[in-house]
Amino acid sequence: MIKAHCFLRWPTLLHKEEILSARPSAPQLQEMQYNRDPDTVVTIVNPVEHPRDYVVWSIFSFFYGNTFCLGLAALIFSIKARDMKVTGDLQRARGYSKWALGLNVAALIIIVLIVLCLIINFSFVVVRLRNALLEKNRFEHNNRNGYPYGSG
């Protein structure tokens, strides 16, 4: 709720009670009129924020991070949010948008964890192979010296 006399200091205010009691979610644009003198009318328009639909992120989640079908579910909720936004049902669009955001974040977290586990696993494999090659080279070096069972 915006109290206009705090922001704009005009001596008279037309329909002050009606303006201050208006709910911002009812119309798509909320218009407030202030009158300084009979010739001057100032209209301040407060646009209602439209919810984001996260369609692009959902498409990337669908193609690159579709673990447990979270990318597909996020894409479905994103399309529903966009449809509700187009039809003007902003409350349901916000609900679908929150679901799409949550599913996209969950898919992203799971993909990041999987990639980290693969990197850690790959590094352990490389270290084990390196140690095995070093052990094999040391064993062959000892056999060349004439000691078949180590350095005797």
C-alpha atoms as a PDB file:
ATOM      1  CA  MET A   1       0.000   0.000   0.000  1.00  0.00           C
ATOM      2  CA  ILE A   2       1.491   3.336  -1.020  1.00  0.00           C
ATOM      3  CA  LYS A   3       0.880   6.427   1.033  1.00  0.00           C
ATOM      4  CA  ALA A   4       1.139   9.188  -1.477  1.00  0.00           C
ATOM      5  CA  HIS A   5       1.447  12.086   0.932  1.00  0.00           C
ATOM      6  CA  CYS A   6       4.810  10.720   2.074  1.00  0.00           C
ATOM      7  CA  PHE A   7       6.274  10.749  -1.425  1.00  0.00           C
ATOM      8  CA  LEU A   8       4.465  13.617  -3.110  1.00  0.00           C
ATOM      9  CA  ARG A   9       3.621  16.755  -1.178  1.00  0.00           C
ATOM     10  CA  TRP A  10       0.559  18.251  -2.803  1.00  0.00           C
ATOM     11  CA  PRO A  11      -1.832  20.275  -0.697  1.00  0.00           C
ATOM     12  CA  THR A  12      -5.004  18.398  -1.662  1.00  0.00           C
ATOM     13  CA  LEU A  13      -5.634  14.751  -2.373  1.00  0.00           C
ATOM     14  CA  LEU A  14      -8.752  13.554  -4.195  1.00  0.00           C
ATOM     15  CA  HIS A  15     -10.393  10.375  -2.911  1.00  0.00           C
ATOM     16  CA  LYS A  16      -7.665   9.702  -0.382  1.00  0.00           C
ATOM     17  CA  GLU A  17      -9.606   6.967   1.394  1.00  0.00           C
ATOM     18  CA  GLU A  18     -10.394   5.125  -1.850  1.00  0.00           C
ATOM     19  CA  ILE A  19      -6.811   5.273  -3.092  1.00  0.00           C
ATOM     20  CA  LEU A  20      -5.243   4.070   0.158  1.00  0.00           C
ATOM     21  CA  SER A  21      -7.712   1.211   0.581  1.00  0.00           C
ATOM     22  CA  ALA A  22      -7.276  -0.143  -2.974  1.00  0.00           C
ATOM     23  CA  ARG A  23      -5.660  -3.536  -3.211  1.00  0.00           C
ATOM     24  CA  PRO A  24      -2.772  -3.702  -5.706  1.00  0.00           C
ATOM     25  CA  SER A  25      -3.504  -7.250  -6.880  1.00  0.00           C
ATOM     26  CA  ALA A  26      -7.050  -6.609  -8.128  1.00  0.00           C
ATOM     27  CA  PRO A  27      -6.398  -4.696 -11.364  1.00  0.00           C
ATOM     28  CA  GLN A  28      -3.443  -5.206 -13.589  1.00  0.00           C
ATOM     29  CA  LEU A  29      -2.459  -1.566 -13.267  1.00  0.00           C
ATOM     30  CA  GLN A  30      -3.200   0.505 -10.233  1.00  0.00           C
ATOM     31  CA  GLU A  31      -3.911   4.122 -10.984  1.00  0.00           C
ATOM     32  CA  MET A  32      -3.763   6.846  -8.380  1.00  0.00           C
ATOM     33  CA  GLN A  33      -4.827  10.356  -9.137  1.00  0.00           C
ATOM     34  CA  TYR A  34      -3.649  13.383  -7.247  1.00  0.00           C
ATOM     35  CA  ASN A  35      -4.961  16.875  -7.772  1.00  0.00           C
ATOM     36  CA  ARG A  36      -3.029  20.016  -7.021  1.00  0.00           C
ATOM     37  CA  ASP A  37      -5.449  22.415  -8.623  1.00  0.00           C
ATOM     38  CA  PRO A  38      -8.436  21.822 -10.900  1.00  0.00           C
ATOM     39  CA  ASP A  39      -6.268  21.984 -14.049  1.00  0.00           C
ATOM     40  CA  THR A  40      -3.506  19.576 -13.001  1.00  0.00           C
ATOM     41  CA  VAL A  41      -4.105  15.844 -12.578  1.00  0.00           C
ATOM     42  CA  VAL A  42      -1.149  13.521 -12.046  1.00  0.00           C
ATOM     43  CA  THR A  43      -1.615   9.804 -12.669  1.00  0.00           C
ATOM     44  CA  ILE A  44       0.924   7.394 -11.171  1.00  0.00           C
ATOM     45  CA  VAL A  45       0.819   3.883 -12.579  1.00  0.00           C
ATOM     46  CA  ASN A  46       2.247   0.985 -10.569  1.00  0.00           C
ATOM     47  CA  PRO A  47       2.690  -2.037 -12.840  1.00  0.00           C
ATOM     48  CA  VAL A  48       2.105  -5.448 -11.341  1.00  0.00           C
ATOM     49  CA  GLU A  49       5.203  -7.617 -11.655  1.00  0.00           C
ATOM     50  CA  HIS A  50       4.681 -10.596 -13.901  1.00  0.00           C
ATOM     51  CA  PRO A  51       6.178 -13.846 -12.653  1.00  0.00           C
ATOM     52  CA  ARG A  52       9.125 -15.301 -14.524  1.00  0.00           C
ATOM     53  CA  ASP A  53       8.518 -18.537 -16.370  1.00  0.00           C
ATOM     54  CA  TYR A  54      12.109 -19.932 -16.544  1.00  0.00           C
ATOM     55  CA  VAL A  55      11.483 -21.599 -19.927  1.00  0.00           C
ATOM     56  CA  VAL A  56      15.065 -21.261 -21.194  1.00  0.00           C
ATOM     57  CA  TRP A  57      16.531 -22.687 -17.990  1.00  0.00           C
ATOM     58  CA  SER A  58      13.992 -25.507 -18.109  1.00  0.00           C
ATOM     59  CA  ILE A  59      14.971 -26.361 -21.687  1.00  0.00           C
ATOM     60  CA  PHE A  60      18.630 -26.590 -20.661  1.00  0.00           C
ATOM     61  CA  SER A  61      17.664 -28.679 -17.622  1.00  0.00           C
ATOM     62  CA  PHE A  62      15.636 -30.965 -19.883  1.00  0.00           C
ATOM     63  CA  PHE A  63      18.450 -31.550 -22.350  1.00  0.00           C
ATOM     64  CA  TYR A  64      21.488 -31.473 -20.043  1.00  0.00           C
ATOM     65  CA  GLY A  65      20.219 -32.250 -16.562  1.00  0.00           C
ATOM     66  CA  ASN A  66      17.249 -34.537 -16.856  1.00  0.00           C
ATOM     67  CA  THR A  67      18.077 -36.649 -13.805  1.00  0.00           C
ATOM     68  CA  PHE A  68      14.960 -38.242 -12.314  1.00  0.00           C
ATOM     69  CA  CYS A  69      12.985 -36.404 -15.060  1.00  0.00           C
ATOM     70  CA  LEU A  70      13.309 -33.136 -13.138  1.00  0.00           C
ATOM     71  CA  GLY A  71      14.112 -31.258 -16.341  1.00  0.00           C
ATOM     72  CA  LEU A  72      10.931 -32.525 -17.994  1.00  0.00           C
ATOM     73  CA  ALA A  73       8.807 -31.589 -14.982  1.00  0.00           C
ATOM     74  CA  ALA A  74      10.424 -28.149 -14.831  1.00  0.00           C
ATOM     75  CA  LEU A  75       9.722 -27.635 -18.533  1.00  0.00           C
ATOM     76  CA  ILE A  76       6.061 -28.600 -18.066  1.00  0.00           C
ATOM     77  CA  PHE A  77       5.634 -26.198 -15.127  1.00  0.00           C
ATOM     78  CA  SER A  78       7.414 -23.443 -17.057  1.00  0.00           C
ATOM     79  CA  ILE A  79       5.052 -23.805 -19.986  1.00  0.00           C
ATOM     80  CA  LYS A  80       2.072 -23.816 -17.615  1.00  0.00           C
ATOM     81  CA  ALA A  81       3.398 -20.636 -15.952  1.00  0.00           C
ATOM     82  CA  ARG A  82       3.764 -18.956 -19.335  1.00  0.00           C
ATOM     83  CA  ASP A  83       0.230 -19.995 -20.343  1.00  0.00           C
ATOM     84  CA  MET A  84      -1.245 -18.674 -17.098  1.00  0.00           C
ATOM     85  CA  LYS A  85       0.681 -15.431 -17.502  1.00  0.00           C
ATOM     86  CA  VAL A  86      -0.710 -14.983 -21.012  1.00  0.00           C
ATOM     87  CA  THR A  87      -4.277 -15.657 -19.877  1.00  0.00           C
ATOM     88  CA  GLY A  88      -3.910 -13.190 -17.003  1.00  0.00           C
ATOM     89  CA  ASP A  89      -4.109 -15.582 -14.056  1.00  0.00           C
ATOM     90  CA  LEU A  90      -1.030 -14.223 -12.280  1.00  0.00           C
ATOM     91  CA  GLN A  91      -1.619 -16.081  -9.009  1.00  0.00           C
ATOM     92  CA  ARG A  92      -1.503 -19.519 -10.649  1.00  0.00           C
ATOM     93  CA  ALA A  93       1.373 -18.351 -12.857  1.00  0.00           C
ATOM     94  CA  ARG A  94       3.362 -17.481  -9.723  1.00  0.00           C
ATOM     95  CA  GLY A  95       2.654 -20.944  -8.293  1.00  0.00           C
ATOM     96  CA  TYR A  96       3.779 -22.735 -11.443  1.00  0.00           C
ATOM     97  CA  SER A  97       6.793 -20.445 -11.669  1.00  0.00           C
ATOM     98  CA  LYS A  98       7.876 -21.371  -8.138  1.00  0.00           C
ATOM     99  CA  TRP A  99       7.571 -25.064  -8.988  1.00  0.00           C
ATOM    100  CA  ALA A 100       9.611 -24.600 -12.168  1.00  0.00           C
ATOM    101  CA  LEU A 101      12.298 -22.696 -10.259  1.00  0.00           C
ATOM    102  CA  GLY A 102      12.494 -25.350  -7.544  1.00  0.00           C
ATOM    103  CA  LEU A 103      12.738 -28.204 -10.011  1.00  0.00           C
ATOM    104  CA  ASN A 104      15.396 -26.392 -12.050  1.00  0.00           C
ATOM    105  CA  VAL A 105      17.459 -25.737  -8.928  1.00  0.00           C
ATOM    106  CA  ALA A 106      17.104 -29.373  -7.826  1.00  0.00           C
ATOM    107  CA  ALA A 107      18.187 -30.607 -11.273  1.00  0.00           C
ATOM    108  CA  LEU A 108      21.157 -28.232 -11.240  1.00  0.00           C
ATOM    109  CA  ILE A 109      22.274 -29.338  -7.781  1.00  0.00           C
ATOM    110  CA  ILE A 110      22.019 -33.009  -8.724  1.00  0.00           C
ATOM    111  CA  ILE A 111      24.004 -32.478 -11.937  1.00  0.00           C
ATOM    112  CA  VAL A 112      26.704 -30.524 -10.083  1.00  0.00           C
ATOM    113  CA  LEU A 113      26.983 -33.300  -7.483  1.00  0.00           C
ATOM    114  CA  ILE A 114      27.199 -35.976 -10.198  1.00  0.00           C
ATOM    115  CA  VAL A 115      29.935 -34.047 -12.034  1.00  0.00           C
ATOM    116  CA  LEU A 116      31.883 -33.558  -8.791  1.00  0.00           C
ATOM    117  CA  CYS A 117      31.618 -37.281  -7.994  1.00  0.00           C
ATOM    118  CA  LEU A 118      32.835 -38.165 -11.485  1.00  0.00           C
ATOM    119  CA  ILE A 119      35.803 -35.797 -11.169  1.00  0.00           C
ATOM    120  CA  ILE A 120      36.743 -37.218  -7.766  1.00  0.00           C
ATOM    121  CA  ASN A 121      36.344 -40.792  -9.024  1.00  0.00           C
ATOM    122  CA  PHE A 122      38.451 -40.047 -12.111  1.00  0.00           C
ATOM    123  CA  SER A 123      41.205 -38.521  -9.977  1.00  0.00           C
ATOM    124  CA  PHE A 124      41.287 -41.625  -7.733  1.00  0.00           C
ATOM    125  CA  VAL A 125      41.520 -43.873 -10.796  1.00  0.00           C
ATOM    126  CA  VAL A 126      44.393 -41.800 -12.205  1.00  0.00           C
ATOM    127  CA  VAL A 127      46.263 -41.936  -8.886  1.00  0.00           C
ATOM    128  CA  ARG A 128      45.796 -45.721  -8.637  1.00  0.00           C
ATOM    129  CA  LEU A 129      46.983 -46.248 -12.213  1.00  0.00           C
ATOM    130  CA  ARG A 130      50.000 -44.042 -11.576  1.00  0.00           C
ATOM    131  CA  ASN A 131      50.882 -45.983  -8.416  1.00  0.00           C
ATOM    132  CA  ALA A 132      50.432 -49.311 -10.243  1.00  0.00           C
ATOM    133  CA  LEU A 133      52.721 -48.174 -13.087  1.00  0.00           C
ATOM    134  CA  LEU A 134      55.342 -46.978 -10.622  1.00  0.00           C
ATOM    135  CA  GLU A 135      55.167 -50.303  -8.781  1.00  0.00           C
ATOM    136  CA  LYS A 136      55.512 -52.218 -12.067  1.00  0.00           C
ATOM    137  CA  ASN A 137      58.506 -50.119 -13.126  1.00  0.00           C
ATOM    138  CA  ARG A 138      60.189 -50.665  -9.775  1.00  0.00           C
ATOM    139  CA  PHE A 139      59.599 -54.421  -9.990  1.00  0.00           C
ATOM    140  CA  GLU A 140      61.036 -54.566 -13.546  1.00  0.00           C
ATOM    141  CA  HIS A 141      64.036 -52.499 -12.473  1.00  0.00           C
ATOM    142  CA  ASN A 142      64.757 -54.940  -9.651  1.00  0.00           C
ATOM    143  CA  ASN A 143      64.488 -57.930 -12.026  1.00  0.00           C
ATOM    144  CA  ARG A 144      67.009 -56.388 -14.412  1.00  0.00           C
ATOM    145  CA  ASN A 145      69.571 -56.229 -11.642  1.00  0.00           C
ATOM    146  CA  GLY A 146      69.488 -59.992 -11.250  1.00  0.00           C
ATOM    147  CA  TYR A 147      67.385 -60.125  -8.135  1.00  0.00           C
ATOM    148  CA  PRO A 148      64.077 -61.747  -9.071  1.00  0.00           C
ATOM    149  CA  TYR A 149      62.468 -61.174  -5.660  1.00  0.00           C
ATOM    150  CA  GLY A 150      63.616 -57.698  -4.843  1.00  0.00           C
ATOM    151  CA  SER A 151      66.933 -56.171  -3.936  1.00  0.00           C
ATOM    152  CA  GLY A 152      68.837 -58.959  -2.195  1.00  0.00           C
END
